[in-house]
Amino acid sequence: MNFQTIRKTVGTILCLEAAFFVPPLMLSIADGEMGSVRGFALAIAAVLLFGLPMAFVRRGDSSLGPRDGCVTVALAWIVISIFGAIPFVVSGVIQNPIDALFETVSGFSTTGATILNDVESAPRAILLWRSITNWVGGMGVLVFMLAIVPASREGGSMFLLRAEFPGPMAVKLVPRMQKSAKLLYEIYILLTVLQIALLSIGSVPLFDSVNIALSTVSTGGFSVKNDSLISYSVYAQNVTLVFMTLCSISFSVFYCLAAREFLRIKRNHELRLFAVIVVTVSLLIGVTSSAGFGSIGENLHHTLFQVISVISTTCYVSVDAGFWSSFAWALLIMLMITGPMAGSTGGGMKLSRVMILAKSTYRAIAETITPSSVHIISVDDEVIEEDTVSAVNSFAVAYFMALVLTAVILSLDGLDFGKGIVVAISSTGNIGYGFDANTFTYGVSGLSLFSKLALCFDMFLGRLEVFPLLLLFAPATWRK
C-alpha cells in the first residue's frame, strides 16, 4: 500500500472541497444568513486544517496500483461526506449529525433522497450546497482532481479513474490520462452552462436554474421546491428532460461526435439498447396510463419525462405519483435496477453490464446444450475479456446481496420486505425514490441509526460500484 500517496491525494481532495464551500458561503453572506455563514466558514477551516498537512506530505516513491486506487477513492468519498455535513449541523438546518451525513452522502452519491420535509424553508446557501454536492459527485471528485492538479498526473491515475468512473470498463477518451479527465469535465461544464442558459431564457429564476442544472447533469435530482419540478412550466420540464437524456448517455459518445467518429457511435449497441428501452417502456406506460391525462400530448410529455427521469436515476417528477399504475411502477423499478449507459453520470447497474450478464447467461445455457461449443462474448464488435465478464458476474451477485441484506435491516424498523427492497434499489442505484408510489423521500427521520447508516453505505456502494468500498473491509487490503 502506498500510504503516503493515498494521504496526499485525500488531503488534496479536502482542499478542493474547501473551494466548493466558497460559493454557498458568499451566498449566505449576501443573504445575511449568519447560521449558514458560520456553518460554511467552520467547514472551510476544518477541511483546510485536516487537508493541508496531508496535501503537503511527500508523495510515495511508487505509483498507485489497483488496490491503492480503490482505497483512495473510497476514503476520499467518505471523508468529503463527513466534512460536507458540517454546514447542515452548524447552521441548524439538520441538527442530527447522522441525518446531516445522510443528506450529504445522498448528495455526493447523486442519490437525491432528502430528509428535509420542507425544502423551500431552508436557506438558499444550504440549497446551493446540496446541488453542488450533486454536481461534484456526478462526474467524480477524483476525476476533477485528475483534470486540474498537476501532481496527480503521475503514474497510477488510471487506477483512480477505474475505481470512480461508472461502468464495467473505464476507457480513456485520449491516450493521456489527464487530458481525458479534462475533456470529461469540459463536456460536463458545457452541459451545465447550457442548461442554465436555456432555463433562464424560459423565465426560470437564476437561482432555480443553477440548482436544477447542477442536479440534472449529475443526475442527482435535488430540487429547491417541495414538489420537485411539478410547479415549473412545461418548457422548463422539457429542457430538463433533454439534459437528463443527454446525461444518461456515455460521455464517450459526445467525444465521438466532436471528433466526428460516427462509425463508433453507429457500432454502439448500448446506445441502441438505451433507445429501445426508453421507447418501449414509454409506450407501455403511456398506453396503460392514458386515462389519467387530458390529452395525448400531456400523456406523452409526462410519461417520457418519468421514464427518462428514472432510467437516468435523476428522479425528478413532473406530475403526482398517483397517476402511475402498479404496472407502470413495476416497469419503473426495473429501470431503477438497470440504470442508463456506462460512462454516464447515472446510477444503477448500467446497461453494458446488463448486456454482458445476458450474454454470459446465454453462453452458459449454450455450453450446457453443446459442451464442445465455444461462445465468445462481445460488445460493439469487440471481444470482452474473461476477467471483465467474471467481474460483472461478481458485481451482480454482490449488488443483489446488498439489496436483500438492506431489506432485512430495514425490517427491524417495521418496514415490510417489499418496501425494503424498493428502498434498497433506490439507495444502491442512487435513485432517491421512497417507500412507495406516493412518496419521493425516504422518511429517514423515522428510521433507526443503524438503518440510516446502512442506507448511507448502500449509496456509497452504488456510486463507487461495489468493489472500492468493499475493499476497505478486506484484511488483505491493508497488508504490505
Protein backbone atom coordinates (compact mmCIF):
# COMPACT_ATOMS: atom_id res chain seq x y z
CA MET A 1 0.00 0.00 0.00
CA ASN A 2 1.31 3.43 -0.96
CA PHE A 3 0.07 5.18 2.20
CA GLN A 4 2.00 8.40 1.52
CA THR A 5 0.39 8.95 -1.87
CA ILE A 6 -3.04 7.97 -0.54
CA ARG A 7 -2.75 10.53 2.29
CA LYS A 8 -1.56 13.19 -0.12
CA THR A 9 -4.40 12.52 -2.56
CA VAL A 10 -7.09 12.55 0.15
CA GLY A 11 -5.60 15.77 1.56
CA THR A 12 -5.70 17.38 -1.88
CA ILE A 13 -9.34 16.36 -2.25
CA LEU A 14 -10.16 18.01 1.09
CA CYS A 15 -8.51 21.24 -0.06
CA LEU A 16 -10.60 21.11 -3.24
CA GLU A 17 -13.72 20.66 -1.11
CA ALA A 18 -12.85 23.92 0.66
CA ALA A 19 -13.09 25.65 -2.73
CA PHE A 20 -16.56 24.20 -3.31
CA PHE A 21 -17.69 25.63 0.05
CA VAL A 22 -16.90 29.16 -1.14
CA PRO A 23 -19.94 29.83 -3.45
CA PRO A 24 -22.54 28.93 -0.76
CA LEU A 25 -20.51 30.91 1.80
CA MET A 26 -20.65 34.00 -0.44
CA LEU A 27 -24.39 33.49 -0.99
CA SER A 28 -25.03 33.13 2.76
CA ILE A 29 -23.14 36.39 3.37
CA ALA A 30 -25.19 38.14 0.67
CA ASP A 31 -28.44 36.80 2.19
CA GLY A 32 -27.38 37.71 5.73
CA GLU A 33 -27.89 34.11 6.92
CA MET A 34 -25.43 34.11 9.82
CA GLY A 35 -26.12 30.49 10.74
CA SER A 36 -25.11 29.41 7.24
CA VAL A 37 -22.11 31.77 7.29
CA ARG A 38 -20.85 30.11 10.47
CA GLY A 39 -21.50 26.65 9.02
CA PHE A 40 -19.56 27.17 5.80
CA ALA A 41 -16.77 29.17 7.46
CA LEU A 42 -16.25 26.40 10.02
CA ALA A 43 -16.38 23.76 7.27
CA ILE A 44 -13.69 25.57 5.26
CA ALA A 45 -11.50 25.90 8.36
CA ALA A 46 -11.98 22.22 9.23
CA VAL A 47 -11.15 20.81 5.79
CA LEU A 48 -8.07 23.02 5.47
CA LEU A 49 -6.91 22.14 8.98
CA PHE A 50 -7.03 18.44 8.15
CA GLY A 51 -6.37 18.62 4.42
CA LEU A 52 -3.36 20.91 4.11
CA PRO A 53 -0.98 18.84 6.29
CA MET A 54 -1.87 15.72 4.31
CA ALA A 55 -1.68 17.50 0.94
CA PHE A 56 1.90 18.59 1.63
CA VAL A 57 3.08 15.10 2.55
CA ARG A 58 5.82 13.90 0.23
CA ARG A 59 4.47 11.61 -2.46
CA GLY A 60 5.49 7.96 -2.16
CA ASP A 61 8.24 6.57 -4.33
CA SER A 62 5.99 4.09 -6.13
CA SER A 63 2.89 4.89 -8.16
CA LEU A 64 -0.63 3.85 -7.22
CA GLY A 65 -1.74 0.32 -8.05
CA PRO A 66 -5.27 -1.08 -8.45
CA ARG A 67 -5.67 -1.69 -4.72
CA ASP A 68 -4.33 1.78 -3.86
CA GLY A 69 -6.68 3.39 -6.37
CA CYS A 70 -9.77 1.72 -4.89
CA VAL A 71 -8.78 2.57 -1.31
CA THR A 72 -8.00 6.18 -2.23
CA VAL A 73 -11.34 6.68 -3.96
CA ALA A 74 -13.37 5.06 -1.16
CA LEU A 75 -11.59 7.00 1.60
CA ALA A 76 -11.85 10.29 -0.30
CA TRP A 77 -15.62 9.96 -0.74
CA ILE A 78 -16.16 9.05 2.91
CA VAL A 79 -14.02 11.93 4.17
CA ILE A 80 -15.58 14.63 1.97
CA SER A 81 -19.05 13.47 3.01
CA ILE A 82 -18.21 13.72 6.71
CA PHE A 83 -16.84 17.24 6.33
CA GLY A 84 -19.60 18.15 3.88
CA ALA A 85 -22.18 17.57 6.62
CA ILE A 86 -20.75 20.36 8.81
CA PRO A 87 -22.78 23.25 7.26
CA PHE A 88 -26.06 21.38 7.81
CA VAL A 89 -25.36 20.81 11.51
CA VAL A 90 -23.79 24.17 12.39
CA SER A 91 -26.49 26.17 10.55
CA GLY A 92 -29.16 24.23 12.43
CA VAL A 93 -30.96 23.16 9.26
CA ILE A 94 -30.32 19.50 10.16
CA GLN A 95 -29.45 19.16 13.83
CA ASN A 96 -28.89 15.41 13.95
CA PRO A 97 -25.32 14.68 12.68
CA ILE A 98 -26.34 11.30 11.23
CA ASP A 99 -29.22 12.91 9.33
CA ALA A 100 -26.81 15.58 8.06
CA LEU A 101 -24.40 12.84 6.97
CA PHE A 102 -27.24 11.08 5.18
CA GLU A 103 -28.12 14.27 3.29
CA THR A 104 -24.50 14.81 2.29
CA VAL A 105 -23.92 11.21 1.22
CA SER A 106 -27.17 11.39 -0.75
CA GLY A 107 -25.81 14.50 -2.48
CA PHE A 108 -22.31 13.30 -3.31
CA SER A 109 -23.57 9.89 -4.41
CA THR A 110 -26.17 11.66 -6.62
CA THR A 111 -28.95 9.68 -4.96
CA GLY A 112 -31.05 12.80 -4.35
CA ALA A 113 -33.06 11.43 -1.41
CA THR A 114 -33.64 14.12 1.21
CA ILE A 115 -34.68 14.09 4.83
CA LEU A 116 -35.88 17.71 4.64
CA ASN A 117 -39.67 17.81 4.87
CA ASP A 118 -39.80 21.45 3.76
CA VAL A 119 -37.01 22.15 1.31
CA GLU A 120 -38.30 25.63 0.48
CA SER A 121 -37.81 26.83 4.07
CA ALA A 122 -34.08 26.06 4.04
CA PRO A 123 -31.58 28.91 3.43
CA ARG A 124 -30.57 29.41 -0.18
CA ALA A 125 -26.92 28.74 0.63
CA ILE A 126 -27.80 25.32 2.04
CA LEU A 127 -29.87 24.50 -1.03
CA LEU A 128 -26.98 25.56 -3.26
CA TRP A 129 -24.57 23.36 -1.27
CA ARG A 130 -26.90 20.37 -1.75
CA SER A 131 -26.87 20.98 -5.50
CA ILE A 132 -23.09 21.39 -5.54
CA THR A 133 -22.67 18.02 -3.81
CA ASN A 134 -24.78 16.53 -6.61
CA TRP A 135 -22.67 18.21 -9.27
CA VAL A 136 -19.33 17.22 -7.74
CA GLY A 137 -20.49 13.65 -7.23
CA GLY A 138 -21.88 13.30 -10.74
CA MET A 139 -18.58 13.25 -12.58
CA GLY A 140 -16.48 12.42 -9.53
CA VAL A 141 -14.19 14.39 -7.29
CA LEU A 142 -11.15 12.25 -8.19
CA VAL A 143 -11.75 12.87 -11.91
CA PHE A 144 -11.90 16.59 -11.10
CA MET A 145 -8.57 16.35 -9.28
CA LEU A 146 -7.00 14.46 -12.19
CA ALA A 147 -8.16 17.25 -14.52
CA ILE A 148 -6.71 20.21 -12.61
CA VAL A 149 -3.95 19.07 -10.23
CA PRO A 150 -0.58 18.57 -11.96
CA ALA A 151 0.74 16.35 -9.15
CA SER A 152 -1.93 13.77 -9.87
CA ARG A 153 -0.73 13.25 -13.41
CA GLU A 154 1.94 10.78 -12.41
CA GLY A 155 1.58 7.01 -12.70
CA GLY A 156 -1.45 5.33 -11.20
CA SER A 157 -4.06 7.90 -12.26
CA MET A 158 -5.77 5.32 -14.47
CA PHE A 159 -6.50 3.21 -11.38
CA LEU A 160 -8.21 6.21 -9.77
CA LEU A 161 -10.38 6.64 -12.86
CA ARG A 162 -11.26 2.94 -12.95
CA ALA A 163 -12.27 3.00 -9.29
CA GLU A 164 -14.50 6.06 -9.62
CA PHE A 165 -15.83 6.16 -13.18
CA PRO A 166 -19.18 4.35 -13.68
CA GLY A 167 -19.25 1.21 -15.78
CA PRO A 168 -17.51 -2.16 -16.12
CA MET A 169 -14.69 -0.68 -18.20
CA ALA A 170 -13.13 2.76 -17.76
CA VAL A 171 -11.90 3.85 -21.17
CA LYS A 172 -9.66 6.85 -21.72
CA LEU A 173 -11.02 9.22 -24.37
CA VAL A 174 -7.48 10.11 -25.42
CA PRO A 175 -4.13 8.41 -24.63
CA ARG A 176 -3.10 10.88 -21.90
CA MET A 177 -4.95 10.37 -18.65
CA GLN A 178 -5.08 13.99 -17.52
CA LYS A 179 -6.37 15.11 -20.90
CA SER A 180 -9.18 12.53 -20.72
CA ALA A 181 -10.20 13.83 -17.30
CA LYS A 182 -10.11 17.40 -18.56
CA LEU A 183 -12.24 16.53 -21.60
CA LEU A 184 -14.82 14.84 -19.39
CA TYR A 185 -15.15 17.93 -17.22
CA GLU A 186 -15.19 20.28 -20.20
CA ILE A 187 -18.20 18.40 -21.59
CA TYR A 188 -19.77 18.33 -18.12
CA ILE A 189 -19.35 22.07 -17.57
CA LEU A 190 -20.60 22.87 -21.08
CA LEU A 191 -23.80 20.89 -20.48
CA THR A 192 -24.30 22.62 -17.12
CA VAL A 193 -23.87 26.13 -18.50
CA LEU A 194 -26.06 25.38 -21.50
CA GLN A 195 -28.92 24.15 -19.32
CA ILE A 196 -28.66 27.18 -17.03
CA ALA A 197 -28.89 29.45 -20.06
CA LEU A 198 -31.87 27.63 -21.57
CA LEU A 199 -33.78 27.58 -18.28
CA SER A 200 -33.10 31.28 -17.73
CA ILE A 201 -34.45 32.05 -21.20
CA GLY A 202 -37.66 30.30 -20.14
CA SER A 203 -38.18 32.73 -17.24
CA VAL A 204 -36.94 30.32 -14.58
CA PRO A 205 -35.27 32.35 -11.77
CA LEU A 206 -31.46 32.26 -11.98
CA PHE A 207 -31.08 30.61 -8.57
CA ASP A 208 -33.52 27.88 -9.54
CA SER A 209 -31.87 27.47 -12.96
CA VAL A 210 -28.44 26.97 -11.41
CA ASN A 211 -29.69 24.43 -8.88
CA ILE A 212 -31.75 22.49 -11.43
CA ALA A 213 -28.83 22.36 -13.86
CA LEU A 214 -26.33 21.24 -11.20
CA SER A 215 -28.66 18.44 -10.14
CA THR A 216 -29.73 17.44 -13.67
CA VAL A 217 -26.39 16.97 -15.41
CA SER A 218 -25.21 15.00 -12.38
CA THR A 219 -28.48 13.00 -12.45
CA GLY A 220 -28.72 13.76 -8.74
CA GLY A 221 -32.24 15.14 -8.55
CA PHE A 222 -32.07 17.56 -5.60
CA SER A 223 -34.68 20.28 -6.03
CA VAL A 224 -35.30 23.67 -4.43
CA LYS A 225 -39.06 23.02 -4.48
CA ASN A 226 -41.02 20.61 -2.31
CA ASP A 227 -42.83 19.20 -5.36
CA SER A 228 -39.66 18.60 -7.41
CA LEU A 229 -40.41 20.08 -10.88
CA ILE A 230 -44.22 19.88 -10.81
CA SER A 231 -44.65 23.62 -10.23
CA TYR A 232 -42.35 24.60 -13.11
CA SER A 233 -43.51 25.27 -16.67
CA VAL A 234 -43.70 22.61 -19.36
CA TYR A 235 -40.81 24.41 -21.08
CA ALA A 236 -38.57 24.03 -18.01
CA GLN A 237 -39.57 20.39 -17.68
CA ASN A 238 -38.79 19.74 -21.36
CA VAL A 239 -35.38 21.40 -21.10
CA THR A 240 -34.65 19.24 -18.06
CA LEU A 241 -35.91 16.18 -19.94
CA VAL A 242 -33.42 16.83 -22.75
CA PHE A 243 -30.48 17.16 -20.38
CA MET A 244 -31.47 14.10 -18.33
CA THR A 245 -31.43 12.20 -21.61
CA LEU A 246 -28.04 13.57 -22.63
CA CYS A 247 -26.53 12.70 -19.26
CA SER A 248 -27.90 9.16 -19.48
CA ILE A 249 -25.63 8.67 -22.47
CA SER A 250 -21.96 7.77 -22.17
CA PHE A 251 -19.75 10.84 -22.36
CA SER A 252 -17.60 8.96 -24.86
CA VAL A 253 -20.46 9.41 -27.35
CA PHE A 254 -20.12 13.20 -27.06
CA TYR A 255 -16.38 12.89 -27.66
CA CYS A 256 -17.04 10.77 -30.75
CA LEU A 257 -19.47 13.41 -32.02
CA ALA A 258 -16.90 16.17 -31.53
CA ALA A 259 -14.17 14.06 -33.15
CA ARG A 260 -16.57 13.05 -35.99
CA GLU A 261 -16.04 9.38 -35.23
CA PHE A 262 -19.57 8.49 -36.33
CA LEU A 263 -18.74 4.85 -37.03
CA ARG A 264 -18.02 4.26 -33.33
CA ILE A 265 -21.43 5.71 -32.45
CA LYS A 266 -23.11 3.53 -35.08
CA ARG A 267 -21.49 0.41 -33.57
CA ASN A 268 -22.56 1.35 -30.03
CA HIS A 269 -25.01 -1.41 -29.09
CA GLU A 270 -25.54 0.01 -25.60
CA LEU A 271 -26.84 3.26 -27.11
CA ARG A 272 -29.27 1.30 -29.27
CA LEU A 273 -30.46 -0.70 -26.25
CA PHE A 274 -30.97 2.52 -24.30
CA ALA A 275 -33.13 3.97 -27.08
CA VAL A 276 -35.16 0.77 -27.47
CA ILE A 277 -35.83 0.52 -23.72
CA VAL A 278 -36.90 4.17 -23.42
CA VAL A 279 -39.28 3.96 -26.40
CA THR A 280 -40.74 0.58 -25.42
CA VAL A 281 -41.30 1.37 -21.74
CA SER A 282 -42.70 4.82 -22.58
CA LEU A 283 -45.24 3.27 -24.96
CA LEU A 284 -46.28 0.62 -22.43
CA ILE A 285 -46.69 3.12 -19.60
CA GLY A 286 -48.32 5.69 -21.86
CA VAL A 287 -50.97 3.24 -23.07
CA THR A 288 -51.79 1.89 -19.59
CA SER A 289 -51.87 5.38 -18.02
CA SER A 290 -53.71 7.26 -20.78
CA ALA A 291 -56.96 7.53 -18.80
CA GLY A 292 -55.32 9.78 -16.22
CA PHE A 293 -54.36 12.53 -18.68
CA GLY A 294 -56.45 15.04 -20.60
CA SER A 295 -54.68 14.72 -23.95
CA ILE A 296 -52.23 12.58 -25.88
CA GLY A 297 -49.63 15.36 -25.74
CA GLU A 298 -49.89 15.63 -21.96
CA ASN A 299 -49.65 11.85 -21.64
CA LEU A 300 -46.58 11.71 -23.89
CA HIS A 301 -44.84 14.55 -22.05
CA HIS A 302 -45.27 13.19 -18.53
CA THR A 303 -44.68 9.56 -19.48
CA LEU A 304 -41.46 10.27 -21.34
CA PHE A 305 -40.31 12.61 -18.57
CA GLN A 306 -40.90 9.95 -15.92
CA VAL A 307 -39.19 7.17 -17.90
CA ILE A 308 -36.11 9.28 -18.65
CA SER A 309 -36.06 10.60 -15.10
CA VAL A 310 -35.99 7.07 -13.67
CA ILE A 311 -33.63 5.37 -16.13
CA SER A 312 -31.20 8.29 -15.76
CA THR A 313 -31.59 7.87 -11.96
CA THR A 314 -32.28 11.61 -11.62
CA CYS A 315 -35.84 11.01 -10.44
CA TYR A 316 -37.28 14.45 -10.85
CA VAL A 317 -41.06 14.33 -11.15
CA SER A 318 -43.37 16.38 -13.37
CA VAL A 319 -46.70 15.02 -12.14
CA ASP A 320 -48.11 13.48 -8.97
CA ALA A 321 -47.06 9.86 -8.49
CA GLY A 322 -50.69 8.76 -8.18
CA PHE A 323 -51.03 8.97 -11.97
CA TRP A 324 -48.95 5.81 -12.44
CA SER A 325 -50.46 2.34 -12.23
CA SER A 326 -48.91 -0.66 -10.44
CA PHE A 327 -47.80 -1.96 -13.85
CA ALA A 328 -46.09 1.37 -14.59
CA TRP A 329 -44.30 1.29 -11.24
CA ALA A 330 -43.15 -2.28 -11.89
CA LEU A 331 -41.55 -1.13 -15.16
CA LEU A 332 -40.01 1.92 -13.47
CA ILE A 333 -38.49 -0.23 -10.72
CA MET A 334 -36.96 -2.41 -13.45
CA LEU A 335 -35.36 0.74 -14.91
CA MET A 336 -34.08 1.67 -11.45
CA ILE A 337 -32.11 -1.57 -11.43
CA THR A 338 -30.70 -1.33 -14.95
CA GLY A 339 -29.87 2.38 -14.95
CA PRO A 340 -28.54 4.22 -18.04
CA MET A 341 -25.40 3.73 -20.14
CA ALA A 342 -21.99 3.12 -18.61
CA GLY A 343 -19.82 6.22 -18.71
CA SER A 344 -22.79 8.48 -17.97
CA THR A 345 -23.42 10.24 -14.67
CA GLY A 346 -26.33 7.91 -13.84
CA GLY A 347 -26.50 5.14 -11.27
CA GLY A 348 -27.88 1.61 -11.33
CA MET A 349 -26.13 -1.45 -12.73
CA LYS A 350 -25.60 0.16 -16.20
CA LEU A 351 -26.90 -1.27 -19.45
CA SER A 352 -23.49 -2.53 -20.55
CA ARG A 353 -23.38 -4.81 -17.52
CA VAL A 354 -26.91 -5.99 -18.24
CA MET A 355 -25.82 -6.85 -21.79
CA ILE A 356 -22.78 -8.77 -20.56
CA LEU A 357 -24.86 -10.60 -17.94
CA ALA A 358 -27.44 -11.59 -20.56
CA LYS A 359 -24.77 -12.85 -22.97
CA SER A 360 -22.98 -14.67 -20.15
CA THR A 361 -26.24 -16.43 -19.22
CA TYR A 362 -26.90 -17.34 -22.85
CA ARG A 363 -23.37 -18.73 -23.15
CA ALA A 364 -23.85 -20.89 -20.05
CA ILE A 365 -27.07 -22.32 -21.50
CA ALA A 366 -25.49 -22.90 -24.93
CA GLU A 367 -22.45 -24.64 -23.44
CA THR A 368 -24.74 -26.89 -21.41
CA ILE A 369 -26.59 -27.93 -24.58
CA THR A 370 -23.40 -28.31 -26.65
CA PRO A 371 -20.42 -28.71 -24.29
CA SER A 372 -17.87 -28.68 -27.10
CA SER A 373 -19.03 -25.32 -28.47
CA VAL A 374 -17.10 -22.09 -27.98
CA HIS A 375 -19.00 -18.85 -27.36
CA ILE A 376 -17.19 -15.52 -27.19
CA ILE A 377 -18.88 -12.57 -25.50
CA SER A 378 -18.53 -9.33 -27.44
CA VAL A 379 -19.93 -5.83 -27.19
CA ASP A 380 -19.73 -3.32 -30.05
CA ASP A 381 -17.88 -5.95 -32.12
CA GLU A 382 -15.10 -6.10 -29.52
CA VAL A 383 -14.35 -9.23 -27.51
CA ILE A 384 -14.90 -8.83 -23.76
CA GLU A 385 -12.08 -10.31 -21.72
CA GLU A 386 -12.98 -13.13 -19.36
CA ASP A 387 -11.71 -11.10 -16.38
CA THR A 388 -14.29 -8.42 -17.21
CA VAL A 389 -17.08 -10.99 -17.59
CA SER A 390 -16.14 -12.51 -14.23
CA ALA A 391 -16.04 -9.08 -12.60
CA VAL A 392 -19.51 -8.24 -13.98
CA ASN A 393 -20.92 -11.52 -12.65
CA SER A 394 -19.37 -10.87 -9.24
CA PHE A 395 -20.71 -7.31 -9.29
CA ALA A 396 -24.25 -8.59 -9.93
CA VAL A 397 -24.04 -11.11 -7.09
CA ALA A 398 -22.75 -8.51 -4.62
CA TYR A 399 -25.30 -5.95 -5.85
CA PHE A 400 -28.32 -8.18 -5.26
CA MET A 401 -26.95 -9.49 -1.97
CA ALA A 402 -26.75 -5.86 -0.80
CA LEU A 403 -30.40 -5.32 -1.77
CA VAL A 404 -31.59 -8.31 0.23
CA LEU A 405 -29.42 -7.52 3.26
CA THR A 406 -30.65 -3.91 3.31
CA ALA A 407 -34.29 -5.04 3.17
CA VAL A 408 -33.62 -7.32 6.14
CA ILE A 409 -32.03 -4.47 8.12
CA LEU A 410 -34.94 -2.13 7.34
CA SER A 411 -37.39 -4.79 8.52
CA LEU A 412 -36.02 -4.21 12.04
CA ASP A 413 -37.75 -0.80 11.84
CA GLY A 414 -41.05 -2.42 10.85
CA LEU A 415 -40.69 -1.90 7.10
CA ASP A 416 -42.09 -4.85 5.14
CA PHE A 417 -39.72 -6.72 2.85
CA GLY A 418 -41.25 -5.44 -0.40
CA LYS A 419 -40.90 -1.79 0.55
CA GLY A 420 -37.46 -2.53 1.96
CA ILE A 421 -36.35 -3.91 -1.41
CA VAL A 422 -37.62 -0.78 -3.18
CA VAL A 423 -35.69 1.45 -0.77
CA ALA A 424 -32.61 -0.75 -1.20
CA ILE A 425 -32.87 -0.49 -5.01
CA SER A 426 -33.34 3.26 -4.67
CA SER A 427 -30.31 3.66 -2.41
CA THR A 428 -27.89 1.29 -4.12
CA GLY A 429 -28.94 2.52 -7.55
CA ASN A 430 -28.50 6.16 -6.44
CA ILE A 431 -32.07 6.95 -7.44
CA GLY A 432 -33.81 8.58 -4.49
CA TYR A 433 -37.42 7.37 -4.54
CA GLY A 434 -39.06 6.46 -1.27
CA PHE A 435 -41.13 3.72 0.29
CA ASP A 436 -43.96 3.58 -2.22
CA ALA A 437 -45.56 5.23 -5.21
CA ASN A 438 -46.89 8.15 -3.19
CA THR A 439 -43.64 9.43 -1.70
CA PHE A 440 -40.46 10.81 -3.21
CA THR A 441 -38.39 10.90 0.01
CA TYR A 442 -37.29 8.13 2.32
CA GLY A 443 -38.82 9.42 5.54
CA VAL A 444 -35.44 8.80 7.14
CA SER A 445 -36.38 10.54 10.38
CA GLY A 446 -38.48 7.52 11.31
CA LEU A 447 -35.65 5.04 10.81
CA SER A 448 -33.12 3.89 13.39
CA LEU A 449 -29.48 4.95 13.45
CA PHE A 450 -28.45 1.53 12.12
CA SER A 451 -30.86 1.75 9.16
CA LYS A 452 -29.68 5.27 8.27
CA LEU A 453 -26.05 4.16 8.26
CA ALA A 454 -26.98 1.09 6.19
CA LEU A 455 -28.59 3.34 3.57
CA CYS A 456 -25.51 5.60 3.57
CA PHE A 457 -23.39 2.50 2.97
CA ASP A 458 -25.69 1.47 0.10
CA MET A 459 -25.47 4.90 -1.54
CA PHE A 460 -21.67 4.76 -1.43
CA LEU A 461 -21.73 1.13 -2.58
CA GLY A 462 -23.77 2.06 -5.64
CA ARG A 463 -21.86 5.22 -6.57
CA LEU A 464 -18.44 3.55 -6.22
CA GLU A 465 -19.80 0.43 -7.93
CA VAL A 466 -19.35 -2.04 -5.09
CA PHE A 467 -15.71 -3.12 -5.13
CA PRO A 468 -13.80 0.01 -3.98
CA LEU A 469 -15.95 0.25 -0.86
CA LEU A 470 -15.93 -3.47 -0.07
CA LEU A 471 -12.16 -3.49 -0.45
CA LEU A 472 -11.89 -1.37 2.70
CA PHE A 473 -13.26 -4.28 4.74
CA ALA A 474 -10.91 -6.93 3.36
CA PRO A 475 -7.99 -7.57 5.78
CA ALA A 476 -5.69 -8.36 2.85
CA THR A 477 -6.15 -4.79 1.58
CA TRP A 478 -4.13 -3.36 4.44
CA ARG A 479 -1.24 -5.81 4.27
CA LYS A 480 2.00 -4.57 2.81
